[in-house]
Amino acid sequence: MAITITYDARLNTNKTLNSAVARGKKIVAGKIDLASSYATGGLDATLKGFASLDLVLIDPASGLSFVYDYTNAKIKILAPGNASATATISTGQNAAEIASDTVVSGFDALRFVAFGD
């Protein structure tokens, strides 16, 4: 279950980010390409170059939400509409992880931004 994460180099010279960087923060943006199928608990997604992460945002796609699990360094994929689920997505709807072994290789170029130390 592999995913590919690519950082955008052009943000390194964006002056609006310089003050956070001067305080020791790292900010990266890029894309995530999912390969293979989904595993219960999420897909391994360690962001290299960070000692700790403050925030990881991943764009939703095809009605699904992509949530970064900071404790386990994984990306969880949530689908809305499961009334028994405990997780919620930004609309406040109940959500649950997609089923294990769901093919996710069609998700490529998911945009993300990460902020941390």
C-alpha atoms as a PDB file:
ATOM      1  CA  MET A   1       0.000   0.000   0.000  1.00  0.00           C
ATOM      2  CA  ALA A   2       2.104   2.804  -1.275  1.00  0.00           C
ATOM      3  CA  ILE A   3       1.418   6.461  -1.747  1.00  0.00           C
ATOM      4  CA  THR A   4       3.648   9.082  -3.314  1.00  0.00           C
ATOM      5  CA  ILE A   5       4.016  12.523  -1.729  1.00  0.00           C
ATOM      6  CA  THR A   6       5.666  15.334  -3.688  1.00  0.00           C
ATOM      7  CA  TYR A   7       6.499  18.787  -2.253  1.00  0.00           C
ATOM      8  CA  ASP A   8       6.028  21.970  -4.266  1.00  0.00           C
ATOM      9  CA  ALA A   9       9.394  23.728  -4.492  1.00  0.00           C
ATOM     10  CA  ARG A  10       7.954  27.104  -5.488  1.00  0.00           C
ATOM     11  CA  LEU A  11       6.620  27.856  -1.989  1.00  0.00           C
ATOM     12  CA  ASN A  12      10.159  28.159  -0.659  1.00  0.00           C
ATOM     13  CA  THR A  13      10.466  31.699  -2.074  1.00  0.00           C
ATOM     14  CA  ASN A  14       6.957  32.934  -1.233  1.00  0.00           C
ATOM     15  CA  LYS A  15       7.497  36.005   0.976  1.00  0.00           C
ATOM     16  CA  THR A  16       4.187  35.563   2.815  1.00  0.00           C
ATOM     17  CA  LEU A  17       5.614  32.411   4.389  1.00  0.00           C
ATOM     18  CA  ASN A  18       8.964  33.872   5.394  1.00  0.00           C
ATOM     19  CA  SER A  19       7.950  35.019   8.892  1.00  0.00           C
ATOM     20  CA  ALA A  20       6.751  31.550   9.936  1.00  0.00           C
ATOM     21  CA  VAL A  21       9.868  29.994   8.471  1.00  0.00           C
ATOM     22  CA  ALA A  22      12.020  32.551  10.317  1.00  0.00           C
ATOM     23  CA  ARG A  23      10.440  31.307  13.554  1.00  0.00           C
ATOM     24  CA  GLY A  24      11.563  27.788  12.714  1.00  0.00           C
ATOM     25  CA  LYS A  25       8.335  26.495  11.166  1.00  0.00           C
ATOM     26  CA  LYS A  26       8.269  24.443   7.995  1.00  0.00           C
ATOM     27  CA  ILE A  27       5.484  24.806   5.478  1.00  0.00           C
ATOM     28  CA  VAL A  28       5.166  22.507   2.490  1.00  0.00           C
ATOM     29  CA  ALA A  29       2.517  21.968  -0.129  1.00  0.00           C
ATOM     30  CA  GLY A  30       2.302  19.298  -2.734  1.00  0.00           C
ATOM     31  CA  LYS A  31       0.315  16.362  -3.986  1.00  0.00           C
ATOM     32  CA  ILE A  32      -0.473  12.881  -2.783  1.00  0.00           C
ATOM     33  CA  ASP A  33      -0.916   9.955  -5.146  1.00  0.00           C
ATOM     34  CA  LEU A  34      -2.619   6.916  -3.670  1.00  0.00           C
ATOM     35  CA  ALA A  35      -1.744   3.457  -4.936  1.00  0.00           C
ATOM     36  CA  SER A  36      -3.172   0.022  -4.267  1.00  0.00           C
ATOM     37  CA  SER A  37      -6.109  -0.437  -1.894  1.00  0.00           C
ATOM     38  CA  TYR A  38      -7.209   1.037   1.421  1.00  0.00           C
ATOM     39  CA  ALA A  39      -6.307  -0.647   4.715  1.00  0.00           C
ATOM     40  CA  THR A  40      -8.418  -0.239   7.845  1.00  0.00           C
ATOM     41  CA  GLY A  41      -6.764   2.385  10.038  1.00  0.00           C
ATOM     42  CA  GLY A  42      -5.380   4.356   7.114  1.00  0.00           C
ATOM     43  CA  LEU A  43      -2.533   4.501   4.643  1.00  0.00           C
ATOM     44  CA  ASP A  44       1.039   5.019   5.871  1.00  0.00           C
ATOM     45  CA  ALA A  45       1.978   8.637   5.165  1.00  0.00           C
ATOM     46  CA  THR A  46       5.045   9.859   7.017  1.00  0.00           C
ATOM     47  CA  LEU A  47       5.916  13.412   5.995  1.00  0.00           C
ATOM     48  CA  LYS A  48       9.709  13.504   5.894  1.00  0.00           C
ATOM     49  CA  GLY A  49      11.596  16.491   7.247  1.00  0.00           C
ATOM     50  CA  PHE A  50       9.259  17.228  10.165  1.00  0.00           C
ATOM     51  CA  ALA A  51      10.021  16.575  13.832  1.00  0.00           C
ATOM     52  CA  SER A  52       6.350  17.279  14.597  1.00  0.00           C
ATOM     53  CA  LEU A  53       3.296  18.360  12.624  1.00  0.00           C
ATOM     54  CA  ASP A  54       0.917  21.128  13.636  1.00  0.00           C
ATOM     55  CA  LEU A  55      -1.481  20.837  10.727  1.00  0.00           C
ATOM     56  CA  VAL A  56      -2.004  18.728   7.615  1.00  0.00           C
ATOM     57  CA  LEU A  57      -4.833  19.645   5.264  1.00  0.00           C
ATOM     58  CA  ILE A  58      -5.795  17.426   2.334  1.00  0.00           C
ATOM     59  CA  ASP A  59      -8.376  18.459  -0.261  1.00  0.00           C
ATOM     60  CA  PRO A  60     -11.525  16.317  -0.384  1.00  0.00           C
ATOM     61  CA  ALA A  61     -12.310  14.425  -3.590  1.00  0.00           C
ATOM     62  CA  SER A  62     -15.268  12.458  -4.946  1.00  0.00           C
ATOM     63  CA  GLY A  63     -17.332  13.121  -1.815  1.00  0.00           C
ATOM     64  CA  LEU A  64     -14.643  11.679   0.461  1.00  0.00           C
ATOM     65  CA  SER A  65     -12.629  13.396   3.180  1.00  0.00           C
ATOM     66  CA  PHE A  66      -8.949  12.702   3.728  1.00  0.00           C
ATOM     67  CA  VAL A  67      -7.858  13.102   7.349  1.00  0.00           C
ATOM     68  CA  TYR A  68      -4.295  12.954   8.638  1.00  0.00           C
ATOM     69  CA  ASP A  69      -3.856  10.792  11.743  1.00  0.00           C
ATOM     70  CA  TYR A  70      -1.014  12.591  13.573  1.00  0.00           C
ATOM     71  CA  THR A  71      -0.480   9.837  16.147  1.00  0.00           C
ATOM     72  CA  ASN A  72      -0.014   7.035  13.627  1.00  0.00           C
ATOM     73  CA  ALA A  73       1.252   9.039  10.599  1.00  0.00           C
ATOM     74  CA  LYS A  74      -1.531   7.734   8.376  1.00  0.00           C
ATOM     75  CA  ILE A  75      -4.146   9.147   6.030  1.00  0.00           C
ATOM     76  CA  LYS A  76      -7.665   8.005   6.814  1.00  0.00           C
ATOM     77  CA  ILE A  77     -10.352   8.207   4.148  1.00  0.00           C
ATOM     78  CA  LEU A  78     -13.862   8.983   5.405  1.00  0.00           C
ATOM     79  CA  ALA A  79     -17.183   8.685   3.626  1.00  0.00           C
ATOM     80  CA  PRO A  80     -20.265  10.586   4.853  1.00  0.00           C
ATOM     81  CA  GLY A  81     -23.592   9.119   5.844  1.00  0.00           C
ATOM     82  CA  ASN A  82     -22.900   6.428   8.435  1.00  0.00           C
ATOM     83  CA  ALA A  83     -25.216   7.255  11.336  1.00  0.00           C
ATOM     84  CA  SER A  84     -23.312   5.042  13.768  1.00  0.00           C
ATOM     85  CA  ALA A  85     -19.917   6.598  13.075  1.00  0.00           C
ATOM     86  CA  THR A  86     -18.190   8.799  15.593  1.00  0.00           C
ATOM     87  CA  ALA A  87     -16.026  10.862  13.221  1.00  0.00           C
ATOM     88  CA  THR A  88     -17.441  13.945  11.549  1.00  0.00           C
ATOM     89  CA  ILE A  89     -16.432  15.765   8.405  1.00  0.00           C
ATOM     90  CA  SER A  90     -16.512  19.514   7.843  1.00  0.00           C
ATOM     91  CA  THR A  91     -20.232  19.542   7.026  1.00  0.00           C
ATOM     92  CA  GLY A  92     -21.036  18.019  10.405  1.00  0.00           C
ATOM     93  CA  GLN A  93     -22.298  14.818   8.812  1.00  0.00           C
ATOM     94  CA  ASN A  94     -21.493  11.517  10.440  1.00  0.00           C
ATOM     95  CA  ALA A  95     -18.693   9.737   8.634  1.00  0.00           C
ATOM     96  CA  ALA A  96     -16.818   6.465   8.746  1.00  0.00           C
ATOM     97  CA  GLU A  97     -13.701   5.029   7.184  1.00  0.00           C
ATOM     98  CA  ILE A  98     -14.155   3.498   3.795  1.00  0.00           C
ATOM     99  CA  ALA A  99     -14.050  -0.298   3.685  1.00  0.00           C
ATOM    100  CA  SER A 100     -10.757  -2.122   3.840  1.00  0.00           C
ATOM    101  CA  ASP A 101      -9.511  -3.263   0.409  1.00  0.00           C
ATOM    102  CA  THR A 102     -11.352  -0.435  -1.376  1.00  0.00           C
ATOM    103  CA  VAL A 103      -9.307   0.404  -4.474  1.00  0.00           C
ATOM    104  CA  VAL A 104      -7.964   3.949  -4.069  1.00  0.00           C
ATOM    105  CA  SER A 105      -5.415   4.004  -6.884  1.00  0.00           C
ATOM    106  CA  GLY A 106      -7.674   6.380  -8.846  1.00  0.00           C
ATOM    107  CA  PHE A 107      -6.928   9.177  -6.375  1.00  0.00           C
ATOM    108  CA  ASP A 108      -3.887  11.006  -7.601  1.00  0.00           C
ATOM    109  CA  ALA A 109      -2.749  14.573  -7.330  1.00  0.00           C
ATOM    110  CA  LEU A 110      -4.659  15.167  -4.075  1.00  0.00           C
ATOM    111  CA  ARG A 111      -3.441  18.601  -2.973  1.00  0.00           C
ATOM    112  CA  PHE A 112      -2.138  19.018   0.573  1.00  0.00           C
ATOM    113  CA  VAL A 113      -0.433  21.550   2.811  1.00  0.00           C
ATOM    114  CA  ALA A 114       1.527  20.695   5.977  1.00  0.00           C
ATOM    115  CA  PHE A 115       2.798  22.960   8.744  1.00  0.00           C
ATOM    116  CA  GLY A 116       5.089  22.033  11.608  1.00  0.00           C
ATOM    117  CA  ASP A 117       8.583  21.854  13.084  1.00  0.00           C
END
